[in-house]
Amino acid sequence: MKIKAGLCLLLAMASFNSVASERSDKAWELVDHGALLIDVRTPNEFNQGHVKGAANLPLNTVNTAFADIDKNTPIVVYCRSGNRSGKAMSYLQQEGFTQVHNGGGLDEMLSSQPTK
């Protein structure tokens, strides 16, 4: 029974990593084509490390921080794990933004960052 549980856990982790990789790979593709890269973590988290070129617009400011951004602008959001960026993406889509992508978490984004 323990072997089956371990195997299921391993498969679930591999599946998650595949999905995580897909969303961050797509995020980099969008950024390479001019999408805005937005870190929705707190300023303190951002100052501890972030993706080069990202702007810091914390989740608690999303309702005002995007006011001057055209709703057709491609945007990639990320956070620590993908949870807050998912909330930001949902909010922005509800507000009429048409091209928002959740890049997931910081580590995810950094590990899949293309080398140039």
PDB file of N, CA and C in Angstrom:
ATOM      1  N   MET A   1       0.824  -1.203   0.000  1.00  0.00           N
ATOM      2  CA  MET A   1       0.000   0.000   0.000  1.00  0.00           C
ATOM      3  C   MET A   1       0.864   1.261   0.000  1.00  0.00           C
ATOM      4  N   LYS A   2       1.961   1.226   0.784  1.00  0.00           N
ATOM      5  CA  LYS A   2       2.842   2.397   0.844  1.00  0.00           C
ATOM      6  C   LYS A   2       3.477   2.674  -0.512  1.00  0.00           C
ATOM      7  N   ILE A   3       3.788   1.619  -1.247  1.00  0.00           N
ATOM      8  CA  ILE A   3       4.391   1.790  -2.567  1.00  0.00           C
ATOM      9  C   ILE A   3       3.405   2.470  -3.513  1.00  0.00           C
ATOM     10  N   LYS A   4       2.135   2.048  -3.472  1.00  0.00           N
ATOM     11  CA  LYS A   4       1.115   2.669  -4.317  1.00  0.00           C
ATOM     12  C   LYS A   4       0.939   4.144  -3.968  1.00  0.00           C
ATOM     13  N   ALA A   5       0.898   4.453  -2.682  1.00  0.00           N
ATOM     14  CA  ALA A   5       0.742   5.847  -2.251  1.00  0.00           C
ATOM     15  C   ALA A   5       1.939   6.676  -2.708  1.00  0.00           C
ATOM     16  N   GLY A   6       3.137   6.113  -2.566  1.00  0.00           N
ATOM     17  CA  GLY A   6       4.338   6.822  -3.000  1.00  0.00           C
ATOM     18  C   GLY A   6       4.353   7.047  -4.500  1.00  0.00           C
ATOM     19  N   LEU A   7       3.937   6.034  -5.232  1.00  0.00           N
ATOM     20  CA  LEU A   7       3.882   6.142  -6.689  1.00  0.00           C
ATOM     21  C   LEU A   7       2.862   7.199  -7.116  1.00  0.00           C
ATOM     22  N   CYS A   8       1.713   7.211  -6.458  1.00  0.00           N
ATOM     23  CA  CYS A   8       0.685   8.219  -6.767  1.00  0.00           C
ATOM     24  C   CYS A   8       1.206   9.621  -6.486  1.00  0.00           C
ATOM     25  N   LEU A   9       1.903   9.778  -5.364  1.00  0.00           N
ATOM     26  CA  LEU A   9       2.462  11.083  -5.013  1.00  0.00           C
ATOM     27  C   LEU A   9       3.501  11.507  -6.050  1.00  0.00           C
ATOM     28  N   LEU A  10       4.354  10.596  -6.461  1.00  0.00           N
ATOM     29  CA  LEU A  10       5.373  10.893  -7.464  1.00  0.00           C
ATOM     30  C   LEU A  10       4.738  11.304  -8.787  1.00  0.00           C
ATOM     31  N   LEU A  11       3.709  10.587  -9.208  1.00  0.00           N
ATOM     32  CA  LEU A  11       3.008  10.928 -10.448  1.00  0.00           C
ATOM     33  C   LEU A  11       2.327  12.292 -10.348  1.00  0.00           C
ATOM     34  N   ALA A  12       1.733  12.575  -9.208  1.00  0.00           N
ATOM     35  CA  ALA A  12       1.075  13.873  -9.014  1.00  0.00           C
ATOM     36  C   ALA A  12       2.097  14.999  -9.074  1.00  0.00           C
ATOM     37  N   MET A  13       3.252  14.788  -8.454  1.00  0.00           N
ATOM     38  CA  MET A  13       4.297  15.814  -8.476  1.00  0.00           C
ATOM     39  C   MET A  13       4.813  16.027  -9.893  1.00  0.00           C
ATOM     40  N   ALA A  14       5.012  14.951 -10.621  1.00  0.00           N
ATOM     41  CA  ALA A  14       5.488  15.057 -12.002  1.00  0.00           C
ATOM     42  C   ALA A  14       4.463  15.787 -12.854  1.00  0.00           C
ATOM     43  N   SER A  15       3.200  15.503 -12.647  1.00  0.00           N
ATOM     44  CA  SER A  15       2.133  16.169 -13.385  1.00  0.00           C
ATOM     45  C   SER A  15       2.098  17.656 -13.058  1.00  0.00           C
ATOM     46  N   PHE A  16       2.224  17.999 -11.763  1.00  0.00           N
ATOM     47  CA  PHE A  16       2.224  19.400 -11.359  1.00  0.00           C
ATOM     48  C   PHE A  16       3.410  20.128 -11.979  1.00  0.00           C
ATOM     49  N   ASN A  17       4.585  19.496 -11.921  1.00  0.00           N
ATOM     50  CA  ASN A  17       5.779  20.128 -12.486  1.00  0.00           C
ATOM     51  C   ASN A  17       5.620  20.354 -13.980  1.00  0.00           C
ATOM     52  N   SER A  18       4.962  19.449 -14.662  1.00  0.00           N
ATOM     53  CA  SER A  18       4.715  19.599 -16.092  1.00  0.00           C
ATOM     54  C   SER A  18       3.800  20.779 -16.360  1.00  0.00           C
ATOM     55  N   VAL A  19       2.725  20.889 -15.578  1.00  0.00           N
ATOM     56  CA  VAL A  19       1.798  22.017 -15.727  1.00  0.00           C
ATOM     57  C   VAL A  19       2.504  23.314 -15.364  1.00  0.00           C
ATOM     58  N   ALA A  20       3.271  23.283 -14.271  1.00  0.00           N
ATOM     59  CA  ALA A  20       3.999  24.474 -13.843  1.00  0.00           C
ATOM     60  C   ALA A  20       4.968  24.919 -14.927  1.00  0.00           C
ATOM     61  N   SER A  21       5.673  23.964 -15.512  1.00  0.00           N
ATOM     62  CA  SER A  21       6.622  24.284 -16.561  1.00  0.00           C
ATOM     63  C   SER A  21       5.908  24.870 -17.782  1.00  0.00           C
ATOM     64  N   GLU A  22       4.771  24.301 -18.118  1.00  0.00           N
ATOM     65  CA  GLU A  22       4.012  24.801 -19.266  1.00  0.00           C
ATOM     66  C   GLU A  22       3.590  26.247 -19.066  1.00  0.00           C
ATOM     67  N   ARG A  23       3.092  26.577 -17.859  1.00  0.00           N
ATOM     68  CA  ARG A  23       2.618  27.951 -17.663  1.00  0.00           C
ATOM     69  C   ARG A  23       3.770  28.947 -17.633  1.00  0.00           C
ATOM     70  N   SER A  24       4.921  28.562 -17.058  1.00  0.00           N
ATOM     71  CA  SER A  24       6.040  29.496 -17.042  1.00  0.00           C
ATOM     72  C   SER A  24       6.702  29.584 -18.419  1.00  0.00           C
ATOM     73  N   ASP A  25       6.738  28.476 -19.148  1.00  0.00           N
ATOM     74  CA  ASP A  25       7.267  28.525 -20.514  1.00  0.00           C
ATOM     75  C   ASP A  25       6.419  29.454 -21.377  1.00  0.00           C
ATOM     76  N   LYS A  26       5.097  29.344 -21.252  1.00  0.00           N
ATOM     77  CA  LYS A  26       4.177  30.218 -21.991  1.00  0.00           C
ATOM     78  C   LYS A  26       4.385  31.671 -21.561  1.00  0.00           C
ATOM     79  N   ALA A  27       4.605  31.884 -20.258  1.00  0.00           N
ATOM     80  CA  ALA A  27       4.838  33.236 -19.751  1.00  0.00           C
ATOM     81  C   ALA A  27       6.061  33.861 -20.422  1.00  0.00           C
ATOM     82  N   TRP A  28       7.150  33.097 -20.510  1.00  0.00           N
ATOM     83  CA  TRP A  28       8.365  33.629 -21.135  1.00  0.00           C
ATOM     84  C   TRP A  28       8.159  33.906 -22.619  1.00  0.00           C
ATOM     85  N   GLU A  29       7.377  33.068 -23.269  1.00  0.00           N
ATOM     86  CA  GLU A  29       7.070  33.304 -24.678  1.00  0.00           C
ATOM     87  C   GLU A  29       6.332  34.638 -24.832  1.00  0.00           C
ATOM     88  N   LEU A  30       5.374  34.882 -23.945  1.00  0.00           N
ATOM     89  CA  LEU A  30       4.620  36.137 -23.995  1.00  0.00           C
ATOM     90  C   LEU A  30       5.513  37.337 -23.680  1.00  0.00           C
ATOM     91  N   VAL A  31       6.383  37.203 -22.678  1.00  0.00           N
ATOM     92  CA  VAL A  31       7.298  38.290 -22.318  1.00  0.00           C
ATOM     93  C   VAL A  31       8.237  38.580 -23.482  1.00  0.00           C
ATOM     94  N   ASP A  32       8.725  37.535 -24.133  1.00  0.00           N
ATOM     95  CA  ASP A  32       9.606  37.720 -25.290  1.00  0.00           C
ATOM     96  C   ASP A  32       8.910  38.468 -26.422  1.00  0.00           C
ATOM     97  N   HIS A  33       7.587  38.393 -26.441  1.00  0.00           N
ATOM     98  CA  HIS A  33       6.811  39.102 -27.460  1.00  0.00           C
ATOM     99  C   HIS A  33       6.243  40.425 -26.943  1.00  0.00           C
ATOM    100  N   GLY A  34       6.760  40.911 -25.812  1.00  0.00           N
ATOM    101  CA  GLY A  34       6.405  42.239 -25.348  1.00  0.00           C
ATOM    102  C   GLY A  34       5.409  42.343 -24.208  1.00  0.00           C
ATOM    103  N   ALA A  35       4.972  41.229 -23.633  1.00  0.00           N
ATOM    104  CA  ALA A  35       4.026  41.296 -22.518  1.00  0.00           C
ATOM    105  C   ALA A  35       4.658  41.979 -21.314  1.00  0.00           C
ATOM    106  N   LEU A  36       3.849  42.718 -20.570  1.00  0.00           N
ATOM    107  CA  LEU A  36       4.304  43.296 -19.308  1.00  0.00           C
ATOM    108  C   LEU A  36       4.502  42.158 -18.319  1.00  0.00           C
ATOM    109  N   LEU A  37       5.574  42.212 -17.539  1.00  0.00           N
ATOM    110  CA  LEU A  37       5.857  41.202 -16.535  1.00  0.00           C
ATOM    111  C   LEU A  37       5.627  41.836 -15.167  1.00  0.00           C
ATOM    112  N   ILE A  38       4.631  41.316 -14.439  1.00  0.00           N
ATOM    113  CA  ILE A  38       4.211  41.922 -13.182  1.00  0.00           C
ATOM    114  C   ILE A  38       4.342  40.932 -12.030  1.00  0.00           C
ATOM    115  N   ASP A  39       5.061  41.338 -10.999  1.00  0.00           N
ATOM    116  CA  ASP A  39       5.201  40.576  -9.763  1.00  0.00           C
ATOM    117  C   ASP A  39       4.157  41.123  -8.797  1.00  0.00           C
ATOM    118  N   VAL A  40       3.223  40.283  -8.355  1.00  0.00           N
ATOM    119  CA  VAL A  40       2.138  40.753  -7.485  1.00  0.00           C
ATOM    120  C   VAL A  40       2.411  40.472  -6.002  1.00  0.00           C
ATOM    121  N   ARG A  41       3.656  40.135  -5.667  1.00  0.00           N
ATOM    122  CA  ARG A  41       4.013  39.935  -4.262  1.00  0.00           C
ATOM    123  C   ARG A  41       4.186  41.283  -3.572  1.00  0.00           C
ATOM    124  N   THR A  42       4.396  41.251  -2.269  1.00  0.00           N
ATOM    125  CA  THR A  42       4.589  42.483  -1.497  1.00  0.00           C
ATOM    126  C   THR A  42       5.915  43.138  -1.876  1.00  0.00           C
ATOM    127  N   PRO A  43       6.049  44.442  -1.624  1.00  0.00           N
ATOM    128  CA  PRO A  43       7.330  45.103  -1.904  1.00  0.00           C
ATOM    129  C   PRO A  43       8.503  44.441  -1.175  1.00  0.00           C
ATOM    130  N   ASN A  44       8.290  43.986   0.053  1.00  0.00           N
ATOM    131  CA  ASN A  44       9.354  43.319   0.802  1.00  0.00           C
ATOM    132  C   ASN A  44       9.791  42.033   0.101  1.00  0.00           C
ATOM    133  N   GLU A  45       8.827  41.231  -0.345  1.00  0.00           N
ATOM    134  CA  GLU A  45       9.162  40.006  -1.078  1.00  0.00           C
ATOM    135  C   GLU A  45       9.892  40.343  -2.373  1.00  0.00           C
ATOM    136  N   PHE A  46       9.396  41.345  -3.081  1.00  0.00           N
ATOM    137  CA  PHE A  46       9.999  41.772  -4.341  1.00  0.00           C
ATOM    138  C   PHE A  46      11.452  42.183  -4.127  1.00  0.00           C
ATOM    139  N   ASN A  47      11.709  42.942  -3.059  1.00  0.00           N
ATOM    140  CA  ASN A  47      13.065  43.420  -2.778  1.00  0.00           C
ATOM    141  C   ASN A  47      14.012  42.292  -2.407  1.00  0.00           C
ATOM    142  N   GLN A  48      13.484  41.157  -1.958  1.00  0.00           N
ATOM    143  CA  GLN A  48      14.324  40.014  -1.614  1.00  0.00           C
ATOM    144  C   GLN A  48      14.754  39.222  -2.849  1.00  0.00           C
ATOM    145  N   GLY A  49      14.128  39.506  -3.975  1.00  0.00           N
ATOM    146  CA  GLY A  49      14.482  38.846  -5.224  1.00  0.00           C
ATOM    147  C   GLY A  49      13.291  38.782  -6.149  1.00  0.00           C
ATOM    148  N   HIS A  50      13.550  39.015  -7.426  1.00  0.00           N
ATOM    149  CA  HIS A  50      12.478  39.026  -8.422  1.00  0.00           C
ATOM    150  C   HIS A  50      13.067  38.739  -9.804  1.00  0.00           C
ATOM    151  N   VAL A  51      12.178  38.550 -10.753  1.00  0.00           N
ATOM    152  CA  VAL A  51      12.609  38.348 -12.132  1.00  0.00           C
ATOM    153  C   VAL A  51      13.052  39.701 -12.685  1.00  0.00           C
ATOM    154  N   LYS A  52      14.222  39.716 -13.294  1.00  0.00           N
ATOM    155  CA  LYS A  52      14.745  40.949 -13.883  1.00  0.00           C
ATOM    156  C   LYS A  52      13.737  41.502 -14.893  1.00  0.00           C
ATOM    157  N   GLY A  53      13.453  42.783 -14.780  1.00  0.00           N
ATOM    158  CA  GLY A  53      12.540  43.439 -15.702  1.00  0.00           C
ATOM    159  C   GLY A  53      11.095  43.468 -15.231  1.00  0.00           C
ATOM    160  N   ALA A  54      10.817  42.798 -14.123  1.00  0.00           N
ATOM    161  CA  ALA A  54       9.440  42.781 -13.617  1.00  0.00           C
ATOM    162  C   ALA A  54       9.118  44.063 -12.864  1.00  0.00           C
ATOM    163  N   ALA A  55       7.864  44.483 -12.972  1.00  0.00           N
ATOM    164  CA  ALA A  55       7.362  45.596 -12.176  1.00  0.00           C
ATOM    165  C   ALA A  55       6.646  45.008 -10.966  1.00  0.00           C
ATOM    166  N   ASN A  56       6.711  45.699  -9.849  1.00  0.00           N
ATOM    167  CA  ASN A  56       6.045  45.222  -8.636  1.00  0.00           C
ATOM    168  C   ASN A  56       4.734  45.977  -8.441  1.00  0.00           C
ATOM    169  N   LEU A  57       3.635  45.281  -8.683  1.00  0.00           N
ATOM    170  CA  LEU A  57       2.293  45.813  -8.443  1.00  0.00           C
ATOM    171  C   LEU A  57       1.600  44.797  -7.532  1.00  0.00           C
ATOM    172  N   PRO A  58       1.732  44.971  -6.203  1.00  0.00           N
ATOM    173  CA  PRO A  58       1.211  43.989  -5.254  1.00  0.00           C
ATOM    174  C   PRO A  58      -0.276  43.695  -5.446  1.00  0.00           C
ATOM    175  N   LEU A  59      -0.651  42.468  -5.096  1.00  0.00           N
ATOM    176  CA  LEU A  59      -2.035  42.028  -5.258  1.00  0.00           C
ATOM    177  C   LEU A  59      -3.021  43.001  -4.624  1.00  0.00           C
ATOM    178  N   ASN A  60      -2.696  43.546  -3.455  1.00  0.00           N
ATOM    179  CA  ASN A  60      -3.648  44.438  -2.786  1.00  0.00           C
ATOM    180  C   ASN A  60      -3.798  45.794  -3.478  1.00  0.00           C
ATOM    181  N   THR A  61      -3.046  46.026  -4.557  1.00  0.00           N
ATOM    182  CA  THR A  61      -3.182  47.278  -5.314  1.00  0.00           C
ATOM    183  C   THR A  61      -3.741  47.053  -6.719  1.00  0.00           C
ATOM    184  N   VAL A  62      -4.049  45.797  -7.043  1.00  0.00           N
ATOM    185  CA  VAL A  62      -4.475  45.463  -8.410  1.00  0.00           C
ATOM    186  C   VAL A  62      -5.688  46.285  -8.846  1.00  0.00           C
ATOM    187  N   ASN A  63      -6.591  46.579  -7.924  1.00  0.00           N
ATOM    188  CA  ASN A  63      -7.799  47.326  -8.305  1.00  0.00           C
ATOM    189  C   ASN A  63      -7.494  48.752  -8.753  1.00  0.00           C
ATOM    190  N   THR A  64      -6.333  49.296  -8.415  1.00  0.00           N
ATOM    191  CA  THR A  64      -5.977  50.654  -8.859  1.00  0.00           C
ATOM    192  C   THR A  64      -4.710  50.691  -9.719  1.00  0.00           C
ATOM    193  N   ALA A  65      -3.777  49.768  -9.488  1.00  0.00           N
ATOM    194  CA  ALA A  65      -2.468  49.811 -10.141  1.00  0.00           C
ATOM    195  C   ALA A  65      -2.535  49.633 -11.658  1.00  0.00           C
ATOM    196  N   PHE A  66      -3.569  48.993 -12.156  1.00  0.00           N
ATOM    197  CA  PHE A  66      -3.679  48.722 -13.584  1.00  0.00           C
ATOM    198  C   PHE A  66      -4.602  49.719 -14.295  1.00  0.00           C
ATOM    199  N   ALA A  67      -5.008  50.756 -13.596  1.00  0.00           N
ATOM    200  CA  ALA A  67      -5.980  51.710 -14.139  1.00  0.00           C
ATOM    201  C   ALA A  67      -5.521  52.371 -15.431  1.00  0.00           C
ATOM    202  N   ASP A  68      -4.226  52.617 -15.572  1.00  0.00           N
ATOM    203  CA  ASP A  68      -3.713  53.305 -16.759  1.00  0.00           C
ATOM    204  C   ASP A  68      -3.166  52.355 -17.823  1.00  0.00           C
ATOM    205  N   ILE A  69      -3.386  51.056 -17.646  1.00  0.00           N
ATOM    206  CA  ILE A  69      -2.903  50.075 -18.609  1.00  0.00           C
ATOM    207  C   ILE A  69      -4.050  49.675 -19.528  1.00  0.00           C
ATOM    208  N   ASP A  70      -3.796  49.732 -20.832  1.00  0.00           N
ATOM    209  CA  ASP A  70      -4.803  49.346 -21.823  1.00  0.00           C
ATOM    210  C   ASP A  70      -5.232  47.903 -21.578  1.00  0.00           C
ATOM    211  N   LYS A  71      -6.519  47.657 -21.638  1.00  0.00           N
ATOM    212  CA  LYS A  71      -7.060  46.334 -21.322  1.00  0.00           C
ATOM    213  C   LYS A  71      -6.725  45.270 -22.361  1.00  0.00           C
ATOM    214  N   ASN A  72      -6.151  45.659 -23.485  1.00  0.00           N
ATOM    215  CA  ASN A  72      -5.715  44.699 -24.500  1.00  0.00           C
ATOM    216  C   ASN A  72      -4.211  44.422 -24.442  1.00  0.00           C
ATOM    217  N   THR A  73      -3.537  45.017 -23.466  1.00  0.00           N
ATOM    218  CA  THR A  73      -2.102  44.823 -23.299  1.00  0.00           C
ATOM    219  C   THR A  73      -1.823  43.404 -22.792  1.00  0.00           C
ATOM    220  N   PRO A  74      -0.899  42.686 -23.418  1.00  0.00           N
ATOM    221  CA  PRO A  74      -0.519  41.374 -22.881  1.00  0.00           C
ATOM    222  C   PRO A  74       0.198  41.549 -21.540  1.00  0.00           C
ATOM    223  N   ILE A  75      -0.233  40.786 -20.547  1.00  0.00           N
ATOM    224  CA  ILE A  75       0.309  40.885 -19.191  1.00  0.00           C
ATOM    225  C   ILE A  75       0.582  39.483 -18.663  1.00  0.00           C
ATOM    226  N   VAL A  76       1.763  39.318 -18.050  1.00  0.00           N
ATOM    227  CA  VAL A  76       2.094  38.093 -17.330  1.00  0.00           C
ATOM    228  C   VAL A  76       2.244  38.471 -15.868  1.00  0.00           C
ATOM    229  N   VAL A  77       1.515  37.774 -15.002  1.00  0.00           N
ATOM    230  CA  VAL A  77       1.616  37.998 -13.560  1.00  0.00           C
ATOM    231  C   VAL A  77       2.244  36.766 -12.909  1.00  0.00           C
ATOM    232  N   TYR A  78       3.018  36.998 -11.858  1.00  0.00           N
ATOM    233  CA  TYR A  78       3.567  35.900 -11.076  1.00  0.00           C
ATOM    234  C   TYR A  78       3.668  36.332  -9.619  1.00  0.00           C
ATOM    235  N   CYS A  79       3.849  35.364  -8.722  1.00  0.00           N
ATOM    236  CA  CYS A  79       3.987  35.654  -7.291  1.00  0.00           C
ATOM    237  C   CYS A  79       4.974  34.664  -6.681  1.00  0.00           C
ATOM    238  N   ARG A  80       4.700  34.154  -5.497  1.00  0.00           N
ATOM    239  CA  ARG A  80       5.585  33.169  -4.875  1.00  0.00           C
ATOM    240  C   ARG A  80       5.259  31.761  -5.350  1.00  0.00           C
ATOM    241  N   SER A  81       3.956  31.452  -5.409  1.00  0.00           N
ATOM    242  CA  SER A  81       3.557  30.081  -5.733  1.00  0.00           C
ATOM    243  C   SER A  81       2.620  29.968  -6.929  1.00  0.00           C
ATOM    244  N   GLY A  82       2.039  31.071  -7.341  1.00  0.00           N
ATOM    245  CA  GLY A  82       1.041  31.046  -8.410  1.00  0.00           C
ATOM    246  C   GLY A  82      -0.361  31.322  -7.901  1.00  0.00           C
ATOM    247  N   ASN A  83      -0.544  31.325  -6.574  1.00  0.00           N
ATOM    248  CA  ASN A  83      -1.860  31.555  -5.988  1.00  0.00           C
ATOM    249  C   ASN A  83      -2.295  33.023  -6.124  1.00  0.00           C
ATOM    250  N   ARG A  84      -1.483  33.938  -5.636  1.00  0.00           N
ATOM    251  CA  ARG A  84      -1.842  35.361  -5.727  1.00  0.00           C
ATOM    252  C   ARG A  84      -1.902  35.829  -7.173  1.00  0.00           C
ATOM    253  N   SER A  85      -0.997  35.321  -8.007  1.00  0.00           N
ATOM    254  CA  SER A  85      -1.044  35.723  -9.410  1.00  0.00           C
ATOM    255  C   SER A  85      -2.307  35.179 -10.077  1.00  0.00           C
ATOM    256  N   GLY A  86      -2.777  34.031  -9.630  1.00  0.00           N
ATOM    257  CA  GLY A  86      -4.051  33.503 -10.133  1.00  0.00           C
ATOM    258  C   GLY A  86      -5.207  34.411  -9.744  1.00  0.00           C
ATOM    259  N   LYS A  87      -5.177  34.914  -8.518  1.00  0.00           N
ATOM    260  CA  LYS A  87      -6.217  35.853  -8.062  1.00  0.00           C
ATOM    261  C   LYS A  87      -6.143  37.151  -8.860  1.00  0.00           C
ATOM    262  N   ALA A  88      -4.920  37.636  -9.087  1.00  0.00           N
ATOM    263  CA  ALA A  88      -4.745  38.864  -9.869  1.00  0.00           C
ATOM    264  C   ALA A  88      -5.264  38.673 -11.285  1.00  0.00           C
ATOM    265  N   MET A  89      -4.943  37.534 -11.891  1.00  0.00           N
ATOM    266  CA  MET A  89      -5.395  37.246 -13.247  1.00  0.00           C
ATOM    267  C   MET A  89      -6.922  37.215 -13.307  1.00  0.00           C
ATOM    268  N   SER A  90      -7.540  36.533 -12.361  1.00  0.00           N
ATOM    269  CA  SER A  90      -9.007  36.459 -12.339  1.00  0.00           C
ATOM    270  C   SER A  90      -9.626  37.841 -12.200  1.00  0.00           C
ATOM    271  N   TYR A  91      -9.088  38.651 -11.297  1.00  0.00           N
ATOM    272  CA  TYR A  91      -9.611  39.999 -11.098  1.00  0.00           C
ATOM    273  C   TYR A  91      -9.477  40.820 -12.380  1.00  0.00           C
ATOM    274  N   LEU A  92      -8.305  40.780 -12.984  1.00  0.00           N
ATOM    275  CA  LEU A  92      -8.079  41.567 -14.197  1.00  0.00           C
ATOM    276  C   LEU A  92      -8.995  41.112 -15.331  1.00  0.00           C
ATOM    277  N   GLN A  93      -9.187  39.823 -15.461  1.00  0.00           N
ATOM    278  CA  GLN A  93     -10.098  39.321 -16.491  1.00  0.00           C
ATOM    279  C   GLN A  93     -11.526  39.798 -16.226  1.00  0.00           C
ATOM    280  N   GLN A  94     -11.943  39.803 -14.971  1.00  0.00           N
ATOM    281  CA  GLN A  94     -13.284  40.304 -14.621  1.00  0.00           C
ATOM    282  C   GLN A  94     -13.418  41.786 -14.957  1.00  0.00           C
ATOM    283  N   GLU A  95     -12.303  42.493 -14.903  1.00  0.00           N
ATOM    284  CA  GLU A  95     -12.302  43.930 -15.203  1.00  0.00           C
ATOM    285  C   GLU A  95     -12.155  44.213 -16.696  1.00  0.00           C
ATOM    286  N   GLY A  96     -12.083  43.167 -17.514  1.00  0.00           N
ATOM    287  CA  GLY A  96     -12.058  43.349 -18.959  1.00  0.00           C
ATOM    288  C   GLY A  96     -10.702  43.230 -19.623  1.00  0.00           C
ATOM    289  N   PHE A  97      -9.660  42.882 -18.858  1.00  0.00           N
ATOM    290  CA  PHE A  97      -8.353  42.666 -19.474  1.00  0.00           C
ATOM    291  C   PHE A  97      -8.427  41.374 -20.273  1.00  0.00           C
ATOM    292  N   THR A  98      -7.958  41.425 -21.503  1.00  0.00           N
ATOM    293  CA  THR A  98      -8.176  40.312 -22.425  1.00  0.00           C
ATOM    294  C   THR A  98      -6.985  39.377 -22.601  1.00  0.00           C
ATOM    295  N   GLN A  99      -5.792  39.816 -22.183  1.00  0.00           N
ATOM    296  CA  GLN A  99      -4.586  39.016 -22.428  1.00  0.00           C
ATOM    297  C   GLN A  99      -3.732  38.897 -21.169  1.00  0.00           C
ATOM    298  N   VAL A 100      -4.270  38.230 -20.149  1.00  0.00           N
ATOM    299  CA  VAL A 100      -3.550  38.057 -18.890  1.00  0.00           C
ATOM    300  C   VAL A 100      -3.194  36.588 -18.725  1.00  0.00           C
ATOM    301  N   HIS A 101      -1.946  36.329 -18.346  1.00  0.00           N
ATOM    302  CA  HIS A 101      -1.471  34.955 -18.154  1.00  0.00           C
ATOM    303  C   HIS A 101      -0.825  34.834 -16.785  1.00  0.00           C
ATOM    304  N   ASN A 102      -1.133  33.758 -16.070  1.00  0.00           N
ATOM    305  CA  ASN A 102      -0.509  33.464 -14.785  1.00  0.00           C
ATOM    306  C   ASN A 102       0.768  32.670 -15.034  1.00  0.00           C
ATOM    307  N   GLY A 103       1.902  33.309 -14.784  1.00  0.00           N
ATOM    308  CA  GLY A 103       3.192  32.644 -14.967  1.00  0.00           C
ATOM    309  C   GLY A 103       3.562  31.727 -13.825  1.00  0.00           C
ATOM    310  N   GLY A 104       2.801  31.783 -12.733  1.00  0.00           N
ATOM    311  CA  GLY A 104       3.052  30.907 -11.595  1.00  0.00           C
ATOM    312  C   GLY A 104       3.906  31.569 -10.538  1.00  0.00           C
ATOM    313  N   GLY A 105       4.845  30.806 -10.004  1.00  0.00           N
ATOM    314  CA  GLY A 105       5.689  31.278  -8.917  1.00  0.00           C
ATOM    315  C   GLY A 105       7.045  31.762  -9.372  1.00  0.00           C
ATOM    316  N   LEU A 106       7.696  32.509  -8.501  1.00  0.00           N
ATOM    317  CA  LEU A 106       9.018  33.077  -8.795  1.00  0.00           C
ATOM    318  C   LEU A 106      10.026  31.983  -9.162  1.00  0.00           C
ATOM    319  N   ASP A 107      10.120  30.941  -8.340  1.00  0.00           N
ATOM    320  CA  ASP A 107      11.091  29.876  -8.630  1.00  0.00           C
ATOM    321  C   ASP A 107      10.797  29.227  -9.974  1.00  0.00           C
ATOM    322  N   GLU A 108       9.530  29.032 -10.242  1.00  0.00           N
ATOM    323  CA  GLU A 108       9.078  28.459 -11.518  1.00  0.00           C
ATOM    324  C   GLU A 108       9.542  29.330 -12.701  1.00  0.00           C
ATOM    325  N   MET A 109       9.308  30.621 -12.560  1.00  0.00           N
ATOM    326  CA  MET A 109       9.699  31.563 -13.619  1.00  0.00           C
ATOM    327  C   MET A 109      11.223  31.579 -13.804  1.00  0.00           C
ATOM    328  N   LEU A 110      11.934  31.620 -12.697  1.00  0.00           N
ATOM    329  CA  LEU A 110      13.397  31.673 -12.795  1.00  0.00           C
ATOM    330  C   LEU A 110      13.983  30.389 -13.364  1.00  0.00           C
ATOM    331  N   SER A 111      13.413  29.248 -12.992  1.00  0.00           N
ATOM    332  CA  SER A 111      13.968  27.972 -13.467  1.00  0.00           C
ATOM    333  C   SER A 111      13.694  27.723 -14.945  1.00  0.00           C
ATOM    334  N   SER A 112      12.666  28.369 -15.489  1.00  0.00           N
ATOM    335  CA  SER A 112      12.370  28.156 -16.901  1.00  0.00           C
ATOM    336  C   SER A 112      12.781  29.347 -17.771  1.00  0.00           C
ATOM    337  N   GLN A 113      13.441  30.319 -17.154  1.00  0.00           N
ATOM    338  CA  GLN A 113      13.861  31.512 -17.893  1.00  0.00           C
ATOM    339  C   GLN A 113      14.830  31.129 -19.000  1.00  0.00           C
ATOM    340  N   PRO A 114      14.506  31.547 -20.215  1.00  0.00           N
ATOM    341  CA  PRO A 114      15.398  31.221 -21.337  1.00  0.00           C
ATOM    342  C   PRO A 114      16.764  31.889 -21.164  1.00  0.00           C
ATOM    343  N   THR A 115      17.791  31.196 -21.576  1.00  0.00           N
ATOM    344  CA  THR A 115      19.121  31.785 -21.559  1.00  0.00           C
ATOM    345  C   THR A 115      19.351  32.477 -22.885  1.00  0.00           C
ATOM    346  N   LYS A 116      19.916  33.634 -22.812  1.00  0.00           N
ATOM    347  CA  LYS A 116      20.122  34.408 -24.041  1.00  0.00           C
ATOM    348  C   LYS A 116      21.572  34.599 -24.299  1.00  0.00           C
TER     349      LYS A 116
END
